[in-house]
Amino acid sequence: MRPISVPVHALVDYPLAVAMMLAPSGFGFGRSGVAEDLAIRGIGAAFLLLCLATRYDLGLISLLSMRSHRNVEILTGLVLILVALAGRFSGRGTRVYAAFGIGLVFFALLTHIGRREELAFGRRHARL
């Protein structure tokens, strides 16, 4: 069973993207110009663009389906986990990367995307 609805998923995506971009400063592992700092900020910025381009209630440009969004989210989470396991970052940075990666994968897998949700989105936005 997937308990997270698409509208709730949309509400969580944006703060999650901002949290990724602010993670180095907030968790104290970032130093300007270091790969550990730049990578998570870049991934957060790319994730924000993904959110803006997704066909859901908070998407600005409806380019990608929610299923595509979910697949990219899972792939991004797996990449973050693999980067954390590579062991090239500080201990704190490794834990933050792993936490974001695991969180993204679980969050994506727990989101219910069905035909009914996609049709409902179409009906709500048919007049645009």
N, C-alpha and C. Protein backbone atom coordinates (compact mmCIF):
# COMPACT_ATOMS: atom_id res chain seq x y z
N MET A 1 0.83 -1.18 0.00
CA MET A 1 0.00 0.00 0.00
C MET A 1 0.87 1.24 0.00
N ARG A 2 0.48 2.22 -0.78
CA ARG A 2 1.22 3.47 -0.89
C ARG A 2 0.39 4.59 -0.29
N PRO A 3 0.72 5.05 0.91
CA PRO A 3 -0.14 5.99 1.63
C PRO A 3 0.00 7.46 1.25
N ILE A 4 1.03 7.82 0.49
CA ILE A 4 1.25 9.24 0.18
C ILE A 4 0.54 9.59 -1.13
N SER A 5 -0.29 10.62 -1.09
CA SER A 5 -0.99 11.04 -2.31
C SER A 5 -0.09 11.99 -3.11
N VAL A 6 -0.43 12.18 -4.37
CA VAL A 6 0.35 13.07 -5.24
C VAL A 6 0.34 14.51 -4.72
N PRO A 7 -0.80 15.07 -4.29
CA PRO A 7 -0.76 16.44 -3.75
C PRO A 7 0.16 16.59 -2.53
N VAL A 8 0.16 15.60 -1.66
CA VAL A 8 1.05 15.65 -0.49
C VAL A 8 2.50 15.53 -0.95
N HIS A 9 2.75 14.68 -1.92
CA HIS A 9 4.09 14.53 -2.49
C HIS A 9 4.56 15.88 -3.03
N ALA A 10 3.69 16.56 -3.73
CA ALA A 10 4.04 17.87 -4.30
C ALA A 10 4.39 18.87 -3.20
N LEU A 11 3.65 18.84 -2.11
CA LEU A 11 3.90 19.77 -1.00
C LEU A 11 5.26 19.52 -0.33
N VAL A 12 5.71 18.29 -0.33
CA VAL A 12 6.97 17.95 0.32
C VAL A 12 8.16 18.17 -0.60
N ASP A 13 7.96 18.06 -1.90
CA ASP A 13 9.07 18.15 -2.85
C ASP A 13 9.84 19.47 -2.76
N TYR A 14 9.15 20.57 -2.73
CA TYR A 14 9.83 21.87 -2.75
C TYR A 14 10.68 22.11 -1.51
N PRO A 15 10.15 21.91 -0.30
CA PRO A 15 11.03 22.07 0.87
C PRO A 15 12.21 21.09 0.86
N LEU A 16 12.00 19.90 0.30
CA LEU A 16 13.08 18.93 0.21
C LEU A 16 14.19 19.43 -0.72
N ALA A 17 13.82 20.01 -1.85
CA ALA A 17 14.81 20.56 -2.77
C ALA A 17 15.59 21.69 -2.12
N VAL A 18 14.89 22.57 -1.42
CA VAL A 18 15.56 23.68 -0.74
C VAL A 18 16.47 23.15 0.37
N ALA A 19 16.02 22.13 1.09
CA ALA A 19 16.84 21.54 2.15
C ALA A 19 18.13 20.96 1.59
N MET A 20 18.06 20.35 0.41
CA MET A 20 19.27 19.82 -0.22
C MET A 20 20.24 20.95 -0.57
N MET A 21 19.70 22.04 -1.07
CA MET A 21 20.57 23.16 -1.44
C MET A 21 21.20 23.82 -0.21
N LEU A 22 20.50 23.80 0.91
CA LEU A 22 21.01 24.43 2.13
C LEU A 22 21.74 23.45 3.06
N ALA A 23 21.76 22.18 2.72
CA ALA A 23 22.32 21.16 3.59
C ALA A 23 23.78 21.41 3.99
N PRO A 24 24.66 21.78 3.07
CA PRO A 24 26.06 21.97 3.50
C PRO A 24 26.20 23.04 4.59
N SER A 25 25.48 24.12 4.45
CA SER A 25 25.55 25.17 5.47
C SER A 25 24.86 24.74 6.74
N GLY A 26 23.68 24.16 6.60
CA GLY A 26 22.88 23.78 7.76
C GLY A 26 23.49 22.66 8.59
N PHE A 27 24.14 21.71 7.93
CA PHE A 27 24.71 20.58 8.65
C PHE A 27 26.21 20.75 8.89
N GLY A 28 26.77 21.85 8.44
CA GLY A 28 28.15 22.19 8.76
C GLY A 28 29.22 21.35 8.09
N PHE A 29 28.98 20.87 6.88
CA PHE A 29 30.04 20.13 6.21
C PHE A 29 30.49 20.81 4.94
N GLY A 30 29.87 21.91 4.58
CA GLY A 30 30.19 22.55 3.30
C GLY A 30 31.28 23.59 3.41
N ARG A 31 32.16 23.55 2.45
CA ARG A 31 33.15 24.60 2.26
C ARG A 31 33.06 25.00 0.80
N SER A 32 33.01 26.26 0.54
CA SER A 32 32.80 26.76 -0.81
C SER A 32 33.80 26.15 -1.80
N GLY A 33 33.27 25.63 -2.89
CA GLY A 33 34.11 25.10 -3.95
C GLY A 33 34.48 23.63 -3.80
N VAL A 34 34.15 23.01 -2.70
CA VAL A 34 34.46 21.61 -2.47
C VAL A 34 33.37 20.75 -3.13
N ALA A 35 33.77 19.63 -3.72
CA ALA A 35 32.82 18.77 -4.43
C ALA A 35 31.67 18.32 -3.54
N GLU A 36 31.97 18.06 -2.28
CA GLU A 36 30.94 17.62 -1.34
C GLU A 36 29.84 18.68 -1.19
N ASP A 37 30.24 19.92 -1.23
CA ASP A 37 29.31 21.05 -1.12
C ASP A 37 28.56 21.27 -2.44
N LEU A 38 29.30 21.32 -3.52
CA LEU A 38 28.70 21.64 -4.82
C LEU A 38 27.76 20.56 -5.33
N ALA A 39 28.08 19.31 -5.08
CA ALA A 39 27.26 18.21 -5.60
C ALA A 39 25.85 18.24 -5.02
N ILE A 40 25.74 18.35 -3.70
CA ILE A 40 24.40 18.31 -3.09
C ILE A 40 23.62 19.56 -3.46
N ARG A 41 24.29 20.69 -3.57
CA ARG A 41 23.60 21.92 -3.99
C ARG A 41 23.10 21.79 -5.43
N GLY A 42 23.93 21.21 -6.30
CA GLY A 42 23.53 21.01 -7.69
C GLY A 42 22.39 20.02 -7.83
N ILE A 43 22.44 18.96 -7.05
CA ILE A 43 21.36 17.97 -7.07
C ILE A 43 20.07 18.61 -6.56
N GLY A 44 20.15 19.42 -5.53
CA GLY A 44 18.98 20.12 -5.01
C GLY A 44 18.38 21.07 -6.04
N ALA A 45 19.25 21.80 -6.76
CA ALA A 45 18.77 22.72 -7.80
C ALA A 45 18.11 21.95 -8.95
N ALA A 46 18.72 20.84 -9.35
CA ALA A 46 18.14 20.02 -10.41
C ALA A 46 16.80 19.42 -9.96
N PHE A 47 16.72 19.04 -8.70
CA PHE A 47 15.48 18.50 -8.15
C PHE A 47 14.39 19.57 -8.14
N LEU A 48 14.76 20.79 -7.84
CA LEU A 48 13.80 21.90 -7.88
C LEU A 48 13.26 22.10 -9.30
N LEU A 49 14.13 22.02 -10.29
CA LEU A 49 13.68 22.12 -11.69
C LEU A 49 12.77 20.95 -12.05
N LEU A 50 13.08 19.76 -11.55
CA LEU A 50 12.21 18.60 -11.78
C LEU A 50 10.82 18.86 -11.21
N CYS A 51 10.76 19.42 -10.02
CA CYS A 51 9.47 19.72 -9.39
C CYS A 51 8.69 20.74 -10.21
N LEU A 52 9.37 21.75 -10.69
CA LEU A 52 8.70 22.79 -11.48
C LEU A 52 8.17 22.26 -12.80
N ALA A 53 8.83 21.22 -13.34
CA ALA A 53 8.45 20.69 -14.65
C ALA A 53 7.52 19.49 -14.57
N THR A 54 7.07 19.13 -13.39
CA THR A 54 6.22 17.94 -13.21
C THR A 54 4.75 18.31 -13.34
N ARG A 55 3.99 17.41 -13.92
CA ARG A 55 2.55 17.59 -14.10
C ARG A 55 1.82 17.19 -12.83
N TYR A 56 1.90 18.07 -11.83
CA TYR A 56 1.11 17.91 -10.62
C TYR A 56 0.69 19.29 -10.14
N ASP A 57 -0.08 19.34 -9.07
CA ASP A 57 -0.73 20.59 -8.66
C ASP A 57 0.23 21.75 -8.45
N LEU A 58 1.43 21.51 -7.98
CA LEU A 58 2.37 22.59 -7.73
C LEU A 58 3.43 22.75 -8.82
N GLY A 59 3.28 22.01 -9.91
CA GLY A 59 4.20 22.14 -11.02
C GLY A 59 3.91 23.40 -11.82
N LEU A 60 4.94 24.07 -12.26
CA LEU A 60 4.77 25.30 -13.01
C LEU A 60 4.60 25.03 -14.50
N ILE A 61 5.39 24.10 -15.01
CA ILE A 61 5.33 23.72 -16.43
C ILE A 61 5.06 22.22 -16.47
N SER A 62 3.98 21.81 -17.05
CA SER A 62 3.60 20.40 -17.05
C SER A 62 4.28 19.64 -18.18
N LEU A 63 5.56 19.34 -17.99
CA LEU A 63 6.31 18.61 -19.01
C LEU A 63 6.41 17.12 -18.72
N LEU A 64 6.59 16.77 -17.46
CA LEU A 64 6.82 15.38 -17.08
C LEU A 64 5.64 14.80 -16.32
N SER A 65 5.36 13.55 -16.57
CA SER A 65 4.31 12.88 -15.81
C SER A 65 4.82 12.60 -14.40
N MET A 66 3.89 12.34 -13.51
CA MET A 66 4.27 12.02 -12.13
C MET A 66 5.05 10.71 -12.08
N ARG A 67 4.75 9.80 -12.97
CA ARG A 67 5.51 8.54 -13.01
C ARG A 67 6.96 8.80 -13.39
N SER A 68 7.20 9.66 -14.36
CA SER A 68 8.57 10.02 -14.74
C SER A 68 9.27 10.72 -13.58
N HIS A 69 8.56 11.60 -12.92
CA HIS A 69 9.10 12.31 -11.76
C HIS A 69 9.54 11.30 -10.70
N ARG A 70 8.67 10.33 -10.42
CA ARG A 70 9.00 9.32 -9.42
C ARG A 70 10.23 8.52 -9.81
N ASN A 71 10.34 8.15 -11.09
CA ASN A 71 11.49 7.37 -11.54
C ASN A 71 12.79 8.16 -11.40
N VAL A 72 12.75 9.44 -11.75
CA VAL A 72 13.94 10.28 -11.60
C VAL A 72 14.27 10.44 -10.12
N GLU A 73 13.26 10.54 -9.29
CA GLU A 73 13.46 10.67 -7.85
C GLU A 73 14.14 9.42 -7.28
N ILE A 74 13.71 8.27 -7.69
CA ILE A 74 14.32 7.02 -7.23
C ILE A 74 15.77 6.94 -7.71
N LEU A 75 16.01 7.27 -8.95
CA LEU A 75 17.36 7.25 -9.50
C LEU A 75 18.26 8.23 -8.75
N THR A 76 17.76 9.42 -8.47
CA THR A 76 18.53 10.42 -7.73
C THR A 76 18.85 9.92 -6.33
N GLY A 77 17.88 9.32 -5.67
CA GLY A 77 18.11 8.77 -4.35
C GLY A 77 19.18 7.68 -4.36
N LEU A 78 19.14 6.81 -5.35
CA LEU A 78 20.14 5.75 -5.46
C LEU A 78 21.53 6.33 -5.72
N VAL A 79 21.60 7.36 -6.54
CA VAL A 79 22.89 8.02 -6.80
C VAL A 79 23.43 8.63 -5.51
N LEU A 80 22.58 9.28 -4.73
CA LEU A 80 23.02 9.87 -3.46
C LEU A 80 23.53 8.79 -2.51
N ILE A 81 22.86 7.66 -2.47
CA ILE A 81 23.30 6.56 -1.60
C ILE A 81 24.66 6.03 -2.07
N LEU A 82 24.81 5.84 -3.38
CA LEU A 82 26.08 5.34 -3.91
C LEU A 82 27.22 6.32 -3.65
N VAL A 83 26.95 7.60 -3.79
CA VAL A 83 27.96 8.62 -3.52
C VAL A 83 28.36 8.56 -2.04
N ALA A 84 27.39 8.39 -1.17
CA ALA A 84 27.68 8.29 0.26
C ALA A 84 28.54 7.06 0.56
N LEU A 85 28.26 5.96 -0.13
CA LEU A 85 29.01 4.72 0.11
C LEU A 85 30.42 4.77 -0.49
N ALA A 86 30.66 5.67 -1.42
CA ALA A 86 31.98 5.77 -2.04
C ALA A 86 33.04 6.18 -1.02
N GLY A 87 32.63 6.86 0.06
CA GLY A 87 33.54 7.17 1.14
C GLY A 87 34.52 8.30 0.89
N ARG A 88 34.21 9.18 -0.04
CA ARG A 88 35.12 10.27 -0.36
C ARG A 88 34.82 11.56 0.41
N PHE A 89 33.72 11.57 1.14
CA PHE A 89 33.31 12.77 1.84
C PHE A 89 33.56 12.65 3.33
N SER A 90 33.36 13.76 4.03
CA SER A 90 33.49 13.75 5.49
C SER A 90 32.40 12.86 6.08
N GLY A 91 32.55 12.48 7.32
CA GLY A 91 31.57 11.63 7.98
C GLY A 91 30.19 12.26 8.00
N ARG A 92 30.13 13.54 8.32
CA ARG A 92 28.85 14.23 8.37
C ARG A 92 28.24 14.34 6.98
N GLY A 93 29.05 14.67 5.98
CA GLY A 93 28.56 14.76 4.61
C GLY A 93 28.03 13.43 4.11
N THR A 94 28.74 12.35 4.44
CA THR A 94 28.31 11.02 4.04
C THR A 94 26.95 10.68 4.63
N ARG A 95 26.76 11.00 5.90
CA ARG A 95 25.48 10.72 6.55
C ARG A 95 24.34 11.54 5.94
N VAL A 96 24.62 12.79 5.61
CA VAL A 96 23.59 13.65 5.01
C VAL A 96 23.21 13.14 3.63
N TYR A 97 24.21 12.80 2.81
CA TYR A 97 23.93 12.26 1.48
C TYR A 97 23.11 10.97 1.59
N ALA A 98 23.50 10.08 2.49
CA ALA A 98 22.77 8.82 2.65
C ALA A 98 21.35 9.07 3.12
N ALA A 99 21.17 9.99 4.05
CA ALA A 99 19.82 10.28 4.56
C ALA A 99 18.92 10.83 3.47
N PHE A 100 19.44 11.78 2.68
CA PHE A 100 18.64 12.32 1.58
C PHE A 100 18.34 11.22 0.55
N GLY A 101 19.31 10.39 0.25
CA GLY A 101 19.10 9.33 -0.73
C GLY A 101 18.05 8.32 -0.29
N ILE A 102 18.18 7.85 0.95
CA ILE A 102 17.22 6.88 1.47
C ILE A 102 15.83 7.52 1.56
N GLY A 103 15.79 8.76 2.02
CA GLY A 103 14.51 9.46 2.11
C GLY A 103 13.83 9.62 0.76
N LEU A 104 14.59 9.99 -0.26
CA LEU A 104 14.01 10.15 -1.61
C LEU A 104 13.45 8.83 -2.13
N VAL A 105 14.21 7.76 -1.97
CA VAL A 105 13.75 6.47 -2.49
C VAL A 105 12.47 6.03 -1.79
N PHE A 106 12.46 6.08 -0.46
CA PHE A 106 11.26 5.67 0.27
C PHE A 106 10.07 6.57 -0.03
N PHE A 107 10.31 7.87 -0.07
CA PHE A 107 9.24 8.82 -0.35
C PHE A 107 8.61 8.55 -1.72
N ALA A 108 9.47 8.30 -2.72
CA ALA A 108 8.96 8.01 -4.06
C ALA A 108 8.20 6.70 -4.10
N LEU A 109 8.73 5.69 -3.44
CA LEU A 109 8.08 4.38 -3.47
C LEU A 109 6.77 4.36 -2.70
N LEU A 110 6.60 5.25 -1.74
CA LEU A 110 5.38 5.29 -0.94
C LEU A 110 4.30 6.20 -1.53
N THR A 111 4.59 6.83 -2.65
CA THR A 111 3.61 7.72 -3.28
C THR A 111 2.72 6.93 -4.23
N HIS A 112 1.43 7.08 -4.04
CA HIS A 112 0.45 6.39 -4.88
C HIS A 112 0.15 7.22 -6.14
N ILE A 113 0.48 6.64 -7.29
CA ILE A 113 0.20 7.29 -8.57
C ILE A 113 -0.62 6.32 -9.39
N GLY A 114 -1.87 6.62 -9.53
CA GLY A 114 -2.74 5.76 -10.30
C GLY A 114 -3.39 6.51 -11.44
N ARG A 115 -4.05 5.80 -12.27
CA ARG A 115 -4.75 6.41 -13.40
C ARG A 115 -5.79 7.41 -12.91
N ARG A 116 -6.43 7.10 -11.82
CA ARG A 116 -7.46 7.97 -11.26
C ARG A 116 -6.87 9.34 -10.87
N GLU A 117 -5.66 9.35 -10.28
CA GLU A 117 -5.01 10.61 -9.89
C GLU A 117 -4.63 11.44 -11.12
N GLU A 118 -4.16 10.78 -12.15
CA GLU A 118 -3.78 11.50 -13.36
C GLU A 118 -5.01 12.09 -14.05
N LEU A 119 -6.12 11.36 -14.08
CA LEU A 119 -7.35 11.88 -14.66
C LEU A 119 -7.90 13.05 -13.83
N ALA A 120 -7.80 12.94 -12.51
CA ALA A 120 -8.28 14.02 -11.64
C ALA A 120 -7.49 15.29 -11.88
N PHE A 121 -6.16 15.15 -12.05
CA PHE A 121 -5.34 16.32 -12.35
C PHE A 121 -5.79 16.95 -13.67
N GLY A 122 -6.05 16.12 -14.66
CA GLY A 122 -6.51 16.63 -15.96
C GLY A 122 -7.82 17.37 -15.86
N ARG A 123 -8.76 16.86 -15.09
CA ARG A 123 -10.05 17.53 -14.92
C ARG A 123 -9.90 18.85 -14.17
N ARG A 124 -9.05 18.87 -13.15
CA ARG A 124 -8.87 20.10 -12.37
C ARG A 124 -8.25 21.22 -13.20
N HIS A 125 -7.41 20.85 -14.17
CA HIS A 125 -6.67 21.84 -14.92
C HIS A 125 -7.09 21.92 -16.39
N ALA A 126 -8.24 21.39 -16.72
CA ALA A 126 -8.72 21.37 -18.10
C ALA A 126 -9.04 22.77 -18.62
N ARG A 127 -9.37 23.67 -17.75
CA ARG A 127 -9.77 25.01 -18.18
C ARG A 127 -8.60 25.95 -18.40
N LEU A 128 -7.37 25.50 -18.15
CA LEU A 128 -6.21 26.37 -18.32
C LEU A 128 -5.88 26.63 -19.75
